N, C-alpha and C. Protein backbone atom coordinates (compact mmCIF):
# COMPACT_ATOMS: atom_id res chain seq x y z
N MET A 1 -14.32 -26.92 21.21
CA MET A 1 -13.75 -27.49 22.34
C MET A 1 -13.98 -26.64 23.53
N TYR A 2 -14.22 -27.25 24.68
CA TYR A 2 -14.59 -26.50 25.89
C TYR A 2 -13.55 -26.83 27.00
N ARG A 3 -13.34 -25.84 27.84
CA ARG A 3 -12.55 -26.07 29.05
C ARG A 3 -13.36 -25.33 30.24
N ASP A 4 -13.65 -26.05 31.21
CA ASP A 4 -14.35 -25.53 32.35
C ASP A 4 -15.77 -24.97 31.83
N GLY A 5 -16.27 -25.61 30.92
CA GLY A 5 -17.70 -25.12 30.39
C GLY A 5 -17.63 -23.92 29.51
N LYS A 6 -16.41 -23.49 29.14
CA LYS A 6 -16.29 -22.27 28.32
C LYS A 6 -15.59 -22.69 27.04
N PRO A 7 -16.06 -22.00 25.85
CA PRO A 7 -15.41 -22.30 24.62
C PRO A 7 -13.97 -21.89 24.62
N THR A 8 -12.96 -22.75 24.20
CA THR A 8 -11.58 -22.29 24.15
C THR A 8 -10.96 -22.57 22.83
N ALA A 9 -11.49 -23.33 22.03
CA ALA A 9 -10.87 -23.52 20.66
C ALA A 9 -11.96 -23.93 19.67
N VAL A 10 -11.64 -23.78 18.43
CA VAL A 10 -12.46 -24.15 17.33
C VAL A 10 -11.73 -24.94 16.31
N ILE A 11 -12.35 -25.96 15.84
CA ILE A 11 -11.70 -26.76 14.68
C ILE A 11 -12.45 -26.38 13.45
N LEU A 12 -11.69 -25.93 12.42
CA LEU A 12 -12.33 -25.50 11.11
C LEU A 12 -11.65 -26.23 10.03
N ASP A 13 -12.35 -26.42 9.00
CA ASP A 13 -11.74 -26.83 7.64
C ASP A 13 -10.84 -25.71 7.19
N ILE A 14 -9.66 -26.02 6.60
CA ILE A 14 -8.72 -25.01 6.17
C ILE A 14 -9.36 -23.94 5.24
N SER A 15 -10.21 -24.43 4.34
CA SER A 15 -10.92 -23.53 3.43
C SER A 15 -11.73 -22.52 4.14
N GLU A 16 -12.43 -22.96 5.23
CA GLU A 16 -13.27 -22.03 6.02
C GLU A 16 -12.43 -21.07 6.71
N TYR A 17 -11.22 -21.55 7.27
CA TYR A 17 -10.32 -20.63 7.93
C TYR A 17 -9.81 -19.59 6.98
N GLU A 18 -9.37 -19.98 5.80
CA GLU A 18 -8.84 -19.06 4.79
C GLU A 18 -9.91 -18.04 4.45
N GLU A 19 -11.19 -18.47 4.30
CA GLU A 19 -12.23 -17.63 3.97
C GLU A 19 -12.46 -16.55 5.05
N LEU A 20 -12.33 -16.98 6.34
CA LEU A 20 -12.48 -16.05 7.43
C LEU A 20 -11.35 -15.04 7.42
N LEU A 21 -10.13 -15.49 7.14
CA LEU A 21 -9.06 -14.59 7.05
C LEU A 21 -9.26 -13.55 5.94
N GLU A 22 -9.67 -14.06 4.86
CA GLU A 22 -9.92 -13.17 3.69
C GLU A 22 -10.99 -12.02 4.04
N ARG A 23 -12.05 -12.55 4.69
CA ARG A 23 -13.12 -11.54 5.09
C ARG A 23 -12.58 -10.58 6.06
N ALA A 24 -11.79 -10.98 7.03
CA ALA A 24 -11.15 -10.02 7.98
C ALA A 24 -10.28 -9.01 7.24
N GLU A 25 -9.49 -9.50 6.30
CA GLU A 25 -8.66 -8.59 5.51
C GLU A 25 -9.53 -7.59 4.70
N ASP A 26 -10.56 -8.06 4.15
CA ASP A 26 -11.51 -7.20 3.40
C ASP A 26 -12.10 -6.16 4.30
N LEU A 27 -12.48 -6.56 5.48
CA LEU A 27 -13.09 -5.56 6.41
C LEU A 27 -12.07 -4.52 6.84
N GLU A 28 -10.86 -4.95 7.07
CA GLU A 28 -9.75 -4.01 7.41
C GLU A 28 -9.60 -3.02 6.25
N ASP A 29 -9.58 -3.48 5.03
CA ASP A 29 -9.45 -2.61 3.87
C ASP A 29 -10.58 -1.62 3.79
N LEU A 30 -11.82 -2.11 4.03
CA LEU A 30 -12.97 -1.17 3.97
C LEU A 30 -12.94 -0.15 5.02
N ARG A 31 -12.46 -0.43 6.23
CA ARG A 31 -12.25 0.53 7.30
C ARG A 31 -11.26 1.54 6.90
N ALA A 32 -10.15 1.13 6.32
CA ALA A 32 -9.12 2.04 5.93
C ALA A 32 -9.59 2.88 4.85
N LEU A 33 -10.36 2.42 3.93
CA LEU A 33 -10.96 3.21 2.79
C LEU A 33 -11.84 4.29 3.40
N LYS A 34 -12.73 3.90 4.35
CA LYS A 34 -13.61 4.84 5.04
C LYS A 34 -12.86 5.92 5.63
N ARG A 35 -11.73 5.56 6.34
CA ARG A 35 -10.97 6.71 7.05
C ARG A 35 -10.33 7.60 5.99
N MET A 36 -9.90 7.03 4.87
CA MET A 36 -9.29 7.90 3.78
C MET A 36 -10.36 8.80 3.20
N ARG A 37 -11.57 8.36 3.04
CA ARG A 37 -12.59 9.11 2.40
C ARG A 37 -13.00 10.27 3.36
N GLU A 38 -12.84 10.10 4.68
CA GLU A 38 -13.21 11.18 5.60
C GLU A 38 -12.26 12.36 5.57
N ARG A 39 -11.01 12.13 5.12
CA ARG A 39 -10.06 13.25 5.08
C ARG A 39 -10.14 13.96 3.74
N PRO A 40 -9.84 15.20 3.77
CA PRO A 40 -9.96 16.00 2.54
C PRO A 40 -8.77 15.60 1.62
N LEU A 41 -9.05 15.63 0.34
CA LEU A 41 -8.04 15.29 -0.62
C LEU A 41 -6.99 16.48 -0.74
N ARG A 42 -5.74 16.09 -0.87
CA ARG A 42 -4.69 17.13 -1.08
C ARG A 42 -3.92 16.86 -2.32
N PHE A 43 -3.83 17.84 -3.16
CA PHE A 43 -3.07 17.64 -4.46
C PHE A 43 -1.89 18.63 -4.39
N ARG A 44 -0.87 18.19 -5.18
CA ARG A 44 0.32 19.03 -5.26
C ARG A 44 0.49 19.30 -6.78
N SER A 45 0.91 20.57 -7.10
CA SER A 45 1.20 20.88 -8.44
C SER A 45 2.51 20.14 -8.88
N LEU A 46 2.66 19.93 -10.20
CA LEU A 46 3.90 19.37 -10.71
C LEU A 46 5.11 20.20 -10.38
N SER A 47 5.01 21.46 -10.40
CA SER A 47 6.11 22.39 -9.99
C SER A 47 6.51 22.11 -8.55
N ASP A 48 5.58 22.00 -7.66
CA ASP A 48 5.94 21.66 -6.31
C ASP A 48 6.62 20.39 -6.16
N VAL A 49 6.16 19.30 -6.83
CA VAL A 49 6.84 17.99 -6.78
C VAL A 49 8.19 18.15 -7.32
N LEU A 50 8.36 18.72 -8.44
CA LEU A 50 9.69 18.91 -9.05
C LEU A 50 10.67 19.75 -8.20
N ALA A 51 10.08 20.70 -7.44
CA ALA A 51 10.90 21.48 -6.53
C ALA A 51 11.44 20.66 -5.36
N ASP A 52 10.83 19.55 -5.03
CA ASP A 52 11.26 18.74 -3.99
C ASP A 52 12.31 17.80 -4.47
N CYS A 53 12.45 17.75 -5.84
CA CYS A 53 13.46 16.72 -6.41
C CYS A 53 14.75 17.46 -6.63
N SER A 54 15.80 16.73 -6.53
CA SER A 54 17.09 17.28 -6.81
C SER A 54 17.25 17.26 -8.33
N PRO A 55 18.14 18.10 -8.89
CA PRO A 55 18.37 18.10 -10.34
C PRO A 55 18.70 16.80 -10.96
N SER A 56 19.47 15.98 -10.18
CA SER A 56 19.78 14.61 -10.69
C SER A 56 18.59 13.74 -10.80
N ASP A 57 17.62 13.93 -9.91
CA ASP A 57 16.38 13.08 -10.03
C ASP A 57 15.64 13.42 -11.23
N VAL A 58 15.57 14.72 -11.58
CA VAL A 58 14.87 15.16 -12.80
C VAL A 58 15.61 14.62 -13.99
N SER A 59 16.92 14.60 -14.02
CA SER A 59 17.73 14.13 -15.20
C SER A 59 17.53 12.64 -15.20
N ASP A 60 17.35 11.92 -14.09
CA ASP A 60 17.08 10.43 -14.11
C ASP A 60 15.78 10.17 -14.80
N PHE A 61 14.77 11.05 -14.58
CA PHE A 61 13.45 10.80 -15.27
C PHE A 61 13.66 11.02 -16.75
N ALA A 62 14.38 11.97 -17.20
CA ALA A 62 14.60 12.21 -18.65
C ALA A 62 15.38 11.04 -19.24
N ALA A 63 16.37 10.58 -18.53
CA ALA A 63 17.16 9.48 -19.04
C ALA A 63 16.37 8.20 -19.13
N ARG A 64 15.57 8.07 -18.12
CA ARG A 64 14.66 6.79 -18.05
C ARG A 64 13.75 6.81 -19.31
N ASP A 65 13.15 7.93 -19.58
CA ASP A 65 12.25 8.10 -20.70
C ASP A 65 12.94 7.89 -22.01
N ALA A 66 14.23 8.21 -22.08
CA ALA A 66 14.93 8.06 -23.33
C ALA A 66 15.42 6.63 -23.62
N ARG A 67 15.50 5.84 -22.53
CA ARG A 67 15.99 4.40 -22.74
C ARG A 67 14.85 3.46 -22.87
N PRO A 68 15.07 2.46 -23.73
CA PRO A 68 14.01 1.48 -23.91
C PRO A 68 13.84 0.48 -22.76
N SER A 69 14.94 0.34 -21.96
CA SER A 69 14.90 -0.67 -20.85
C SER A 69 14.05 -0.18 -19.70
N PRO A 70 13.12 -0.93 -19.19
CA PRO A 70 12.29 -0.62 -18.06
C PRO A 70 13.07 -0.53 -16.78
N ARG A 71 14.27 -1.18 -16.65
CA ARG A 71 14.97 -1.17 -15.42
C ARG A 71 15.88 0.10 -15.14
N VAL A 72 15.35 0.83 -14.17
CA VAL A 72 16.14 2.00 -13.86
C VAL A 72 16.27 2.05 -12.35
N ARG A 73 17.45 2.26 -11.89
CA ARG A 73 17.58 2.27 -10.39
C ARG A 73 17.73 3.69 -9.89
N ARG A 74 16.91 4.04 -9.01
CA ARG A 74 16.95 5.39 -8.49
C ARG A 74 17.39 5.34 -7.04
N SER A 75 17.88 6.41 -6.55
CA SER A 75 18.31 6.48 -5.20
C SER A 75 17.16 6.31 -4.22
N SER A 76 17.42 5.50 -3.17
CA SER A 76 16.25 5.19 -2.22
C SER A 76 15.96 6.42 -1.43
N ARG A 77 16.80 7.41 -1.45
CA ARG A 77 16.53 8.67 -0.64
C ARG A 77 15.73 9.63 -1.44
N SER A 78 15.54 9.44 -2.75
CA SER A 78 14.76 10.36 -3.54
C SER A 78 13.32 10.15 -3.36
N ARG A 79 12.55 11.26 -3.40
CA ARG A 79 11.16 11.23 -3.24
C ARG A 79 10.59 11.32 -4.63
N CYS A 80 11.36 11.38 -5.67
CA CYS A 80 10.79 11.53 -6.97
C CYS A 80 10.72 10.19 -7.67
C-alpha cells in the first residue's frame, strides 16, 4: 500500500508474518549469543556459592534431596 507515492503498509499471509517474527527472534538470539561469547567465562567454586547461601538454604537442599516429591518452595530472596 502506498501513500503519497511512498510505501506505508504491507499485507502478508499470517504464516509469512509468523515466519518473519520467528526469523527476527532467531536473529536476536544469535546476536545475544555472540555478545555472550565475547565476554570471558566466569566460574565460581561450590564453596563460594554455598558461602552466599544462608544455613537454611543449605538445609533446604538437603531436605529436598531426601524427599521424593519434586515440589519444594524456596524463599524468593534466596540465591541458592
